Amino acid sequence: MNELTGLTASELVRLIKGKRASCVEVAQATLDWIAKTDKSFHSFLSVAENEVREQARRVDQSVARNEDPGMLAGVPIAIKDNMLVKGWPTTCSSKILSQYTATYDATVVSHLRSEGAILLGRTNMDEFAMGSSTENSALGPTRNPWNAECIPGGSSGGSAAAVAARMATLAIGSDTGGSIRQPASLCGVLGMKPTYGRVSRFGLVAFASSLDQIGPFARSAEDCALLLKVLSGHDPKDSTSMNVDVPDFTAGLQGDIQGLRIGLPKECFSDGLHSEVKSALEAACKELERLGAKLIEISLPHSSFALAVYYILAPCEASSNLARFDGVRYGLRSAEAGTLVEMYERSRDEGFGPEVKRRIMLGTYALSSGYYDAYYTKAQKVRTLIKQDFAKAFENVDAILTPTAPTPAFKIGEKTDDPLQMYLSDVFTIPCNLAGLPGVSIPCGFSSGKLPIGLQLLGRPFEESVLLKIAHHYLTAAPWHKAAPPFCAEAN
């Protein structure tokens, strides 16, 4: 592994702007490492090598002219395959979009370009972001850099694995029920879901529009703060984008956490939690107390219903959003169809994988006449109760700490035949999406099998700065995030 690929984004920016390293040099080192490494993990679906080199040359030219090349000057960043990059294929890891090429940039991609980031390529994901292991990809699974026999989490598993394996300095993913935070936990990196409305969703292929949010993967709280600042901001192209000030998240890392109140929901530390995850969280809590935080037991009484609520509402929204993939305008069209109805049926049957079909059917059923009130309406009412639980809790605490995932990474294939067990992987992350809150997963230890464990911090709406400050101070004292998968050291 080249020394440059192991640096953080903040370190790279300082080197490049200080003319102590060229962007072309960084880009080539990254491309070489991806070529050597990714055949073992399948994080990337494609890498835009020629475009990467051209982007790097432009950054170097800007630096040579003493211009400001941007906040992310020369930083290699990977893009989840459900965000549009003009001229790139965007498949959502699905056969039905295998022939689709994006005609415009997503807003977040435009932000990255304007700040000098180097867009590497598309990362693997669960098909249409529906999954918790990246095994649902029509293009094959991604493997965990800490143990190639294990899953990296999902649905943004390719992005998380790329950052963990040092193939990308930063990455972006989407989070509908934990799809950034859960793979971040299982791959030993930081992953943040911002407040709903903080980051534009324009150019994100929709799964569940009231839940989806784009966010960063990074290897330090400083990098996470830097990328979040670039991604954030009001966008008139997205009707759910909030017109609120974007703070300097990096500056917000300063100061201490003395006196900050952190809530521990009693519902999240039950007997169902893996013993090694529980031990790692208990040790992290002691460290936070040592740093001056005050830990308070709280209750989120309706959190036990969150999983059921999510698996009604998200499939309902998915069944509506995915109706556009019908073989008519773009994507796969069955060659076997003789009539219009057959074209719809065969194209969708051939194009969608089993998990996507399962969720479309669940959602269509719950929205159907006679069942709408019993399922969809009732689920929305319980969602309101979950949101109210959080609002009440935040009257007494500044942040909430929970596990991110109930277990360390499990073996590939271990849960593919049991969807209900797979769905439980997101039991701690889903409530955050239902309430529209910000959440971040940070590394807090390792299992006896040397697999990463993460803890989750949740905050009040638009108080990402509080979470990042806690993460920064905890990781300064307990630098789990600096550990690299063993093969990285062996490659030196």
Protein backbone atom coordinates (compact mmCIF):
# COMPACT_ATOMS: atom_id res chain seq x y z
CA MET A 1 0.00 0.00 0.00
CA ASN A 2 1.39 3.40 -1.00
CA GLU A 3 1.80 5.83 1.90
CA LEU A 4 -0.51 8.32 0.17
CA THR A 5 -3.49 5.94 0.14
CA GLY A 6 -3.30 5.61 3.92
CA LEU A 7 -3.63 9.35 4.58
CA THR A 8 -6.85 11.04 5.63
CA ALA A 9 -8.59 13.56 3.40
CA SER A 10 -7.53 16.44 5.63
CA GLU A 11 -3.89 15.33 5.42
CA LEU A 12 -4.07 14.97 1.62
CA VAL A 13 -5.60 18.41 1.15
CA ARG A 14 -2.85 19.99 3.22
CA LEU A 15 -0.16 18.17 1.20
CA ILE A 16 -1.65 19.06 -2.18
CA LYS A 17 -2.41 22.68 -1.38
CA GLY A 18 1.06 23.01 0.13
CA LYS A 19 2.58 21.62 -3.10
CA ARG A 20 4.24 18.80 -1.17
CA ALA A 21 2.45 16.15 -3.24
CA SER A 22 0.82 16.28 -6.64
CA CYS A 23 -2.78 15.29 -7.18
CA VAL A 24 -1.74 13.15 -10.15
CA GLU A 25 0.59 11.23 -7.85
CA VAL A 26 -2.20 10.65 -5.32
CA ALA A 27 -4.65 9.61 -8.02
CA GLN A 28 -2.25 7.12 -9.61
CA ALA A 29 -1.35 5.61 -6.23
CA THR A 30 -5.06 5.14 -5.57
CA LEU A 31 -5.72 3.56 -8.97
CA ASP A 32 -2.79 1.20 -8.52
CA TRP A 33 -4.02 0.14 -5.07
CA ILE A 34 -7.57 -0.46 -6.35
CA ALA A 35 -6.23 -2.58 -9.23
CA LYS A 36 -4.18 -4.66 -6.80
CA THR A 37 -6.76 -4.95 -4.04
CA ASP A 38 -10.34 -4.85 -5.25
CA LYS A 39 -10.26 -8.20 -7.03
CA SER A 40 -10.45 -9.67 -3.51
CA PHE A 41 -13.36 -7.55 -2.27
CA HIS A 42 -15.43 -6.26 -5.23
CA SER A 43 -16.06 -2.82 -3.73
CA PHE A 44 -16.17 -1.11 -7.11
CA LEU A 45 -18.42 -1.85 -10.06
CA SER A 46 -16.31 0.39 -12.27
CA VAL A 47 -13.41 2.82 -11.95
CA ALA A 48 -13.19 5.82 -14.28
CA GLU A 49 -9.41 5.68 -14.71
CA ASN A 50 -9.01 8.18 -17.55
CA GLU A 51 -11.41 10.64 -15.93
CA VAL A 52 -9.61 10.27 -12.60
CA ARG A 53 -6.29 11.24 -14.19
CA GLU A 54 -7.87 14.19 -16.00
CA GLN A 55 -9.53 15.46 -12.82
CA ALA A 56 -6.19 15.18 -11.01
CA ARG A 57 -4.38 17.16 -13.73
CA ARG A 58 -6.93 19.97 -13.44
CA VAL A 59 -6.44 20.17 -9.68
CA ASP A 60 -2.65 20.33 -10.09
CA GLN A 61 -3.01 23.09 -12.67
CA SER A 62 -5.21 25.06 -10.27
CA VAL A 63 -2.67 24.66 -7.47
CA ALA A 64 0.17 25.72 -9.80
CA ARG A 65 -1.74 28.92 -10.62
CA ASN A 66 -2.14 29.58 -6.87
CA GLU A 67 -5.92 29.30 -7.19
CA ASP A 68 -8.06 27.75 -4.48
CA PRO A 69 -8.70 24.20 -5.76
CA GLY A 70 -11.47 23.55 -3.21
CA MET A 71 -12.03 22.03 0.21
CA LEU A 72 -11.51 18.49 -1.10
CA ALA A 73 -8.68 19.26 -3.52
CA GLY A 74 -7.31 16.01 -4.90
CA VAL A 75 -9.16 13.72 -2.46
CA PRO A 76 -10.21 10.39 -4.07
CA ILE A 77 -13.87 9.67 -3.34
CA ALA A 78 -16.09 6.72 -4.26
CA ILE A 79 -19.75 7.10 -5.27
CA LYS A 80 -22.48 4.60 -4.44
CA ASP A 81 -24.13 3.28 -7.59
CA ASN A 82 -27.51 4.91 -6.93
CA MET A 83 -26.29 8.50 -7.42
CA LEU A 84 -26.12 9.99 -10.89
CA VAL A 85 -22.77 11.00 -12.36
CA LYS A 86 -23.13 12.39 -15.88
CA GLY A 87 -21.81 9.95 -18.47
CA TRP A 88 -21.42 7.10 -15.98
CA PRO A 89 -23.57 3.96 -15.87
CA THR A 90 -25.96 4.01 -12.90
CA THR A 91 -27.35 0.55 -12.28
CA CYS A 92 -28.30 0.49 -8.58
CA SER A 93 -26.67 -2.97 -8.84
CA SER A 94 -29.76 -4.16 -10.72
CA LYS A 95 -30.20 -5.91 -14.06
CA ILE A 96 -33.14 -3.66 -14.85
CA LEU A 97 -30.81 -0.63 -15.11
CA SER A 98 -27.89 -2.46 -16.70
CA GLN A 99 -28.06 -0.29 -19.83
CA TYR A 100 -28.72 3.08 -18.20
CA THR A 101 -26.23 5.94 -18.38
CA ALA A 102 -26.77 9.09 -16.32
CA THR A 103 -27.46 12.29 -18.27
CA TYR A 104 -26.78 14.72 -15.41
CA ASP A 105 -25.00 14.98 -12.08
CA ALA A 106 -26.71 14.52 -8.73
CA THR A 107 -26.49 17.69 -6.63
CA VAL A 108 -24.02 16.06 -4.24
CA VAL A 109 -21.81 15.11 -7.17
CA SER A 110 -21.87 18.73 -8.39
CA HIS A 111 -20.81 19.83 -4.90
CA LEU A 112 -17.92 17.36 -4.92
CA ARG A 113 -16.73 18.49 -8.33
CA SER A 114 -16.85 22.17 -7.31
CA GLU A 115 -14.60 21.46 -4.32
CA GLY A 116 -11.92 19.62 -6.28
CA ALA A 117 -12.72 16.03 -5.24
CA ILE A 118 -11.53 13.21 -7.51
CA LEU A 119 -14.48 10.97 -8.40
CA LEU A 120 -13.12 7.42 -8.58
CA GLY A 121 -16.01 5.28 -9.69
CA ARG A 122 -19.19 3.47 -8.71
CA THR A 123 -19.37 1.24 -5.63
CA ASN A 124 -21.36 -1.95 -5.22
CA MET A 125 -24.59 -2.02 -3.20
CA ASP A 126 -27.63 -4.12 -2.44
CA GLU A 127 -29.98 -3.84 -5.40
CA PHE A 128 -31.90 -0.54 -5.17
CA ALA A 129 -30.42 -0.20 -1.66
CA MET A 130 -32.62 -3.02 -0.36
CA GLY A 131 -30.49 -5.12 1.94
CA SER A 132 -28.09 -5.21 4.87
CA SER A 133 -25.18 -7.21 3.46
CA THR A 134 -24.48 -6.20 -0.18
CA GLU A 135 -25.32 -9.80 -1.10
CA ASN A 136 -28.42 -8.66 -3.00
CA SER A 137 -26.35 -7.03 -5.75
CA ALA A 138 -27.08 -8.47 -9.19
CA LEU A 139 -23.37 -8.01 -9.88
CA GLY A 140 -22.10 -10.17 -7.02
CA PRO A 141 -21.40 -9.55 -3.32
CA THR A 142 -18.81 -7.27 -1.77
CA ARG A 143 -16.53 -8.80 0.88
CA ASN A 144 -15.41 -7.32 4.18
CA PRO A 145 -11.78 -6.10 4.11
CA TRP A 146 -11.29 -7.38 7.67
CA ASN A 147 -12.34 -10.91 6.70
CA ALA A 148 -13.18 -11.75 3.10
CA GLU A 149 -15.48 -14.55 4.22
CA CYS A 150 -17.77 -11.99 5.87
CA ILE A 151 -20.25 -9.41 4.62
CA PRO A 152 -19.34 -5.69 4.74
CA GLY A 153 -22.87 -4.66 5.70
CA GLY A 154 -25.33 -2.94 3.42
CA SER A 155 -26.75 -1.50 1.45
CA SER A 156 -23.71 0.80 1.00
CA GLY A 157 -21.27 -2.06 1.53
CA GLY A 158 -19.09 -1.18 -1.46
CA SER A 159 -18.51 2.36 -0.21
CA ALA A 160 -17.73 1.24 3.35
CA ALA A 161 -15.36 -1.50 2.19
CA ALA A 162 -13.57 0.86 -0.21
CA VAL A 163 -12.82 3.32 2.61
CA ALA A 164 -11.84 0.59 5.06
CA ALA A 165 -9.47 -0.99 2.51
CA ARG A 166 -7.86 2.40 1.73
CA MET A 167 -9.07 2.17 -1.89
CA ALA A 168 -10.92 5.48 -1.41
CA THR A 169 -10.08 8.21 1.05
CA LEU A 170 -13.77 9.12 1.33
CA ALA A 171 -17.03 7.74 -0.02
CA ILE A 172 -20.68 8.63 -0.12
CA GLY A 173 -23.61 6.32 0.45
CA SER A 174 -27.32 6.51 1.05
CA ASP A 175 -29.12 5.60 4.27
CA THR A 176 -32.79 4.55 4.30
CA GLY A 177 -32.80 2.36 7.40
CA GLY A 178 -29.12 2.17 8.34
CA SER A 179 -27.41 1.67 4.99
CA ILE A 180 -24.51 4.01 5.85
CA ARG A 181 -24.16 3.42 9.57
CA GLN A 182 -24.46 -0.38 9.62
CA PRO A 183 -21.72 -1.07 7.00
CA ALA A 184 -19.56 1.62 8.63
CA SER A 185 -19.82 -0.31 11.88
CA LEU A 186 -19.00 -3.67 10.28
CA CYS A 187 -16.05 -2.25 8.30
CA GLY A 188 -14.52 -0.15 11.10
CA VAL A 189 -15.01 3.32 9.61
CA LEU A 190 -17.18 6.36 10.35
CA GLY A 191 -20.51 6.72 8.58
CA MET A 192 -23.09 9.45 9.05
CA LYS A 193 -26.74 9.80 8.13
CA PRO A 194 -27.47 13.55 8.25
CA THR A 195 -30.79 15.03 9.33
CA TYR A 196 -33.49 14.43 6.73
CA GLY A 197 -33.36 17.49 4.48
CA ARG A 198 -29.77 18.48 5.31
CA VAL A 199 -28.37 17.00 2.05
CA SER A 200 -30.10 17.18 -1.33
CA ARG A 201 -31.55 13.95 -2.72
CA PHE A 202 -31.74 15.31 -6.28
CA GLY A 203 -30.07 12.72 -8.50
CA LEU A 204 -30.41 9.92 -5.95
CA VAL A 205 -32.41 6.98 -7.30
CA ALA A 206 -35.26 6.79 -4.82
CA PHE A 207 -35.98 3.78 -2.63
CA ALA A 208 -38.21 5.28 0.10
CA SER A 209 -38.43 9.03 -0.35
CA SER A 210 -39.43 9.96 3.20
CA LEU A 211 -36.49 8.00 4.62
CA ASP A 212 -33.59 8.23 2.12
CA GLN A 213 -30.65 10.49 2.93
CA ILE A 214 -27.15 10.79 1.44
CA GLY A 215 -24.16 10.92 3.78
CA PRO A 216 -20.39 10.47 4.17
CA PHE A 217 -18.01 7.61 4.92
CA ALA A 218 -14.62 8.57 6.35
CA ARG A 219 -11.76 7.36 8.51
CA SER A 220 -11.79 10.27 10.97
CA ALA A 221 -14.30 12.66 12.52
CA GLU A 222 -12.45 15.57 10.89
CA ASP A 223 -12.88 14.01 7.44
CA CYS A 224 -16.52 13.19 8.14
CA ALA A 225 -17.12 16.82 9.14
CA LEU A 226 -15.30 18.11 6.05
CA LEU A 227 -17.27 15.95 3.62
CA LEU A 228 -20.59 16.68 5.33
CA LYS A 229 -19.99 20.41 4.89
CA VAL A 230 -19.40 19.91 1.17
CA LEU A 231 -22.50 17.74 0.73
CA SER A 232 -24.87 19.96 2.73
CA GLY A 233 -26.95 22.91 1.64
CA HIS A 234 -30.37 23.90 0.38
CA ASP A 235 -31.29 22.72 -3.11
CA PRO A 236 -34.40 24.10 -4.87
CA LYS A 237 -34.40 20.97 -7.08
CA ASP A 238 -35.30 18.85 -4.02
CA SER A 239 -38.62 19.76 -2.42
CA THR A 240 -37.56 18.08 0.85
CA SER A 241 -34.28 20.04 1.09
CA MET A 242 -34.29 22.33 4.12
CA ASN A 243 -33.17 25.95 3.81
CA VAL A 244 -31.06 26.03 6.98
CA ASP A 245 -27.57 27.34 7.66
CA VAL A 246 -24.68 24.94 7.12
CA PRO A 247 -22.28 25.28 10.03
CA ASP A 248 -18.54 24.77 9.83
CA PHE A 249 -18.63 21.19 11.05
CA THR A 250 -14.83 21.01 11.23
CA ALA A 251 -14.59 24.05 13.51
CA GLY A 252 -17.32 22.49 15.64
CA LEU A 253 -14.96 19.69 16.65
CA GLN A 254 -13.09 22.04 18.98
CA GLY A 255 -13.79 22.43 22.68
CA ASP A 256 -14.47 19.59 25.09
CA ILE A 257 -17.49 17.45 25.86
CA GLN A 258 -17.48 18.23 29.57
CA GLY A 259 -21.04 18.12 30.87
CA LEU A 260 -22.64 16.84 27.67
CA ARG A 261 -25.55 14.56 28.50
CA ILE A 262 -25.65 11.28 26.61
CA GLY A 263 -28.74 9.10 26.87
CA LEU A 264 -28.57 5.31 27.00
CA PRO A 265 -31.92 3.79 25.95
CA LYS A 266 -32.64 0.82 28.16
CA GLU A 267 -34.42 -0.87 25.24
CA CYS A 268 -31.16 -1.03 23.25
CA PHE A 269 -29.08 -2.96 25.79
CA SER A 270 -31.25 -6.06 26.01
CA ASP A 271 -30.31 -9.72 26.15
CA GLY A 272 -30.49 -9.96 22.34
CA LEU A 273 -27.31 -7.90 21.94
CA HIS A 274 -24.13 -9.83 21.08
CA SER A 275 -21.99 -10.09 24.23
CA GLU A 276 -18.86 -8.67 22.58
CA VAL A 277 -20.79 -5.72 21.15
CA LYS A 278 -22.20 -5.04 24.60
CA SER A 279 -18.75 -5.20 26.19
CA ALA A 280 -17.30 -2.80 23.60
CA LEU A 281 -20.11 -0.32 24.21
CA GLU A 282 -19.71 -0.50 27.97
CA ALA A 283 -16.01 0.28 27.60
CA ALA A 284 -16.83 3.20 25.28
CA CYS A 285 -19.32 4.56 27.81
CA LYS A 286 -16.65 4.51 30.52
CA GLU A 287 -14.28 6.40 28.22
CA LEU A 288 -16.92 9.03 27.47
CA GLU A 289 -17.52 9.46 31.21
CA ARG A 290 -13.80 9.90 31.71
CA LEU A 291 -13.87 12.65 29.08
CA GLY A 292 -16.52 14.49 31.05
CA ALA A 293 -19.79 13.34 29.48
CA LYS A 294 -22.72 12.51 31.74
CA LEU A 295 -24.50 9.24 30.94
CA ILE A 296 -28.23 9.07 31.66
CA GLU A 297 -30.55 6.10 31.26
CA ILE A 298 -33.53 6.97 29.08
CA SER A 299 -36.44 5.15 27.48
CA LEU A 300 -37.67 5.03 23.89
CA PRO A 301 -40.82 3.00 24.59
CA HIS A 302 -42.04 2.64 21.01
CA SER A 303 -38.65 1.68 19.53
CA SER A 304 -39.60 -2.01 19.62
CA PHE A 305 -42.16 -1.28 16.89
CA ALA A 306 -39.69 0.51 14.60
CA LEU A 307 -38.68 -2.57 12.60
CA ALA A 308 -42.30 -3.47 11.85
CA VAL A 309 -43.15 0.13 10.96
CA TYR A 310 -40.18 0.39 8.63
CA TYR A 311 -40.98 -2.83 6.79
CA ILE A 312 -44.44 -1.49 6.04
CA LEU A 313 -43.59 2.10 5.11
CA ALA A 314 -40.35 1.52 3.17
CA PRO A 315 -41.82 -1.20 0.90
CA CYS A 316 -44.92 0.95 0.34
CA GLU A 317 -42.77 3.82 -0.90
CA ALA A 318 -40.57 1.43 -2.88
CA SER A 319 -43.54 -0.12 -4.67
CA SER A 320 -44.50 3.37 -5.83
CA ASN A 321 -41.00 4.60 -6.69
CA LEU A 322 -39.99 1.47 -8.58
CA ALA A 323 -43.13 1.46 -10.74
CA ARG A 324 -41.22 3.67 -13.21
CA PHE A 325 -38.90 0.77 -14.11
CA ASP A 326 -41.24 -0.89 -16.57
CA GLY A 327 -39.23 -1.48 -19.76
CA VAL A 328 -40.77 1.50 -21.54
CA ARG A 329 -38.44 4.48 -21.16
CA TYR A 330 -35.05 3.22 -19.97
CA GLY A 331 -33.36 0.17 -18.61
CA LEU A 332 -33.98 -3.46 -19.47
CA ARG A 333 -36.81 -4.40 -21.86
CA SER A 334 -37.71 -8.05 -22.24
CA ALA A 335 -37.20 -9.44 -25.72
CA GLU A 336 -39.80 -12.14 -25.09
CA ALA A 337 -42.86 -9.90 -24.72
CA GLY A 338 -45.67 -10.06 -27.29
CA THR A 339 -48.00 -7.49 -25.75
CA LEU A 340 -47.66 -4.32 -23.69
CA VAL A 341 -48.75 -6.07 -20.50
CA GLU A 342 -46.31 -8.92 -21.14
CA MET A 343 -43.54 -6.36 -21.65
CA TYR A 344 -44.25 -4.84 -18.22
CA GLU A 345 -44.46 -8.23 -16.52
CA ARG A 346 -41.47 -9.89 -18.19
CA SER A 347 -39.20 -6.83 -17.98
CA ARG A 348 -39.80 -6.45 -14.25
CA ASP A 349 -39.56 -10.19 -13.61
CA GLU A 350 -36.26 -10.47 -15.50
CA GLY A 351 -34.85 -7.20 -14.20
CA PHE A 352 -35.58 -7.23 -10.47
CA GLY A 353 -33.91 -9.59 -7.98
CA PRO A 354 -35.72 -11.63 -5.29
CA GLU A 355 -35.40 -9.09 -2.44
CA VAL A 356 -36.64 -6.19 -4.56
CA LYS A 357 -39.59 -8.28 -5.74
CA ARG A 358 -40.34 -9.24 -2.14
CA ARG A 359 -40.46 -5.63 -1.01
CA ILE A 360 -42.50 -4.44 -3.99
CA MET A 361 -45.09 -7.11 -3.24
CA LEU A 362 -45.14 -6.27 0.47
CA GLY A 363 -45.63 -2.59 -0.30
CA THR A 364 -48.27 -3.12 -2.96
CA TYR A 365 -50.22 -5.38 -0.60
CA ALA A 366 -50.07 -2.87 2.26
CA LEU A 367 -51.31 -0.08 -0.02
CA SER A 368 -54.09 -2.11 -1.59
CA SER A 369 -57.78 -1.44 -1.07
CA GLY A 370 -58.98 -2.84 2.24
CA TYR A 371 -55.50 -2.98 3.79
CA TYR A 372 -54.30 0.63 3.48
CA ASP A 373 -55.69 1.76 6.85
CA ALA A 374 -54.78 -1.45 8.64
CA TYR A 375 -51.13 -1.29 7.59
CA TYR A 376 -49.92 1.97 6.01
CA THR A 377 -52.05 4.38 8.06
CA LYS A 378 -51.38 2.56 11.33
CA ALA A 379 -47.65 2.44 10.61
CA GLN A 380 -47.60 6.20 10.03
CA LYS A 381 -49.30 6.74 13.38
CA VAL A 382 -46.72 4.61 15.18
CA ARG A 383 -43.95 6.46 13.31
CA THR A 384 -45.28 9.65 14.89
CA LEU A 385 -45.09 8.04 18.34
CA ILE A 386 -41.48 7.01 17.71
CA LYS A 387 -40.63 10.58 16.70
CA GLN A 388 -42.33 11.89 19.85
CA ASP A 389 -40.29 9.49 22.00
CA PHE A 390 -37.10 11.02 20.63
CA ALA A 391 -38.36 14.57 21.12
CA LYS A 392 -39.15 13.81 24.76
CA ALA A 393 -35.77 12.16 25.32
CA PHE A 394 -33.91 15.14 23.85
CA GLU A 395 -35.49 17.39 26.47
CA ASN A 396 -33.08 15.80 28.94
CA VAL A 397 -30.06 14.73 26.86
CA ASP A 398 -27.83 16.20 24.14
CA ALA A 399 -27.19 12.93 22.30
CA ILE A 400 -28.24 9.29 22.46
CA LEU A 401 -25.85 6.32 22.34
CA THR A 402 -26.86 2.87 21.07
CA PRO A 403 -25.24 -0.09 19.34
CA THR A 404 -25.05 0.36 15.56
CA ALA A 405 -25.42 -3.31 14.69
CA PRO A 406 -26.47 -6.13 17.05
CA THR A 407 -23.54 -8.35 16.01
CA PRO A 408 -20.17 -8.10 14.27
CA ALA A 409 -20.11 -9.00 10.57
CA PHE A 410 -21.51 -12.44 9.79
CA LYS A 411 -20.42 -14.90 7.11
CA ILE A 412 -21.50 -14.45 3.49
CA GLY A 413 -24.52 -16.66 2.86
CA GLU A 414 -25.30 -17.10 6.55
CA LYS A 415 -28.64 -15.23 6.48
CA THR A 416 -29.63 -15.13 2.83
CA ASP A 417 -32.31 -17.81 3.32
CA ASP A 418 -33.83 -16.05 6.34
CA PRO A 419 -35.02 -12.53 5.44
CA LEU A 420 -36.36 -11.85 8.94
CA GLN A 421 -32.95 -12.49 10.51
CA MET A 422 -31.37 -10.27 7.87
CA TYR A 423 -33.84 -7.47 8.62
CA LEU A 424 -32.84 -7.58 12.30
CA SER A 425 -29.38 -6.29 11.30
CA ASP A 426 -30.93 -2.81 11.14
CA VAL A 427 -32.91 -2.96 14.36
CA PHE A 428 -30.88 -0.16 16.03
CA THR A 429 -30.49 2.09 12.99
CA ILE A 430 -34.06 2.21 11.66
CA PRO A 431 -35.62 4.47 14.37
CA CYS A 432 -33.27 7.30 13.36
CA ASN A 433 -34.64 7.30 9.81
CA LEU A 434 -38.25 7.11 10.91
CA ALA A 435 -37.71 10.21 13.07
CA GLY A 436 -35.56 12.05 10.49
CA LEU A 437 -32.69 12.51 12.95
CA PRO A 438 -28.92 12.67 12.37
CA GLY A 439 -26.90 9.61 13.33
CA VAL A 440 -23.28 8.56 13.11
CA SER A 441 -21.55 5.22 13.60
CA ILE A 442 -18.00 5.28 14.95
CA PRO A 443 -15.57 2.42 15.62
CA CYS A 444 -15.39 1.37 19.27
CA GLY A 445 -13.53 -1.94 19.30
CA PHE A 446 -13.11 -5.39 17.83
CA SER A 447 -14.62 -8.81 18.41
CA SER A 448 -12.53 -11.82 19.42
CA GLY A 449 -12.56 -12.69 15.71
CA LYS A 450 -10.88 -9.35 14.94
CA LEU A 451 -14.00 -7.88 13.32
CA PRO A 452 -14.89 -4.20 13.90
CA ILE A 453 -17.62 -3.08 16.28
CA GLY A 454 -19.31 0.31 16.07
CA LEU A 455 -21.41 2.50 18.34
CA GLN A 456 -24.15 4.84 17.16
CA LEU A 457 -24.73 8.42 18.27
CA LEU A 458 -28.06 10.09 17.54
CA GLY A 459 -28.79 13.80 17.85
CA ARG A 460 -31.47 16.45 17.62
CA PRO A 461 -32.42 17.59 14.10
CA PHE A 462 -29.60 19.56 12.45
CA GLU A 463 -27.24 19.04 15.40
CA GLU A 464 -24.71 16.93 13.52
CA SER A 465 -21.99 19.10 15.05
CA VAL A 466 -22.71 17.71 18.51
CA LEU A 467 -22.34 14.12 17.28
CA LEU A 468 -19.14 14.87 15.39
CA LYS A 469 -17.62 16.59 18.43
CA ILE A 470 -18.36 13.57 20.63
CA ALA A 471 -16.97 11.25 17.93
CA HIS A 472 -13.81 13.34 17.56
CA HIS A 473 -13.04 13.45 21.28
CA TYR A 474 -13.81 9.77 21.79
CA LEU A 475 -11.62 8.69 18.87
CA THR A 476 -8.80 10.98 19.97
CA ALA A 477 -8.79 9.13 23.29
CA ALA A 478 -9.57 5.67 21.85
CA PRO A 479 -8.27 5.70 18.25
CA TRP A 480 -9.96 2.55 16.95
CA HIS A 481 -10.42 4.28 13.60
CA LYS A 482 -6.67 4.21 12.92
CA ALA A 483 -6.57 0.42 12.73
CA ALA A 484 -6.25 -0.93 9.20
CA PRO A 485 -7.21 -4.37 7.89
CA PRO A 486 -4.22 -6.74 8.23
CA PHE A 487 -3.69 -7.10 4.47
CA CYS A 488 -2.93 -3.34 4.25
CA ALA A 489 0.11 -3.76 6.48
CA GLU A 490 1.13 -6.97 4.73
CA ALA A 491 1.10 -5.15 1.36
CA ASN A 492 3.68 -2.58 2.48
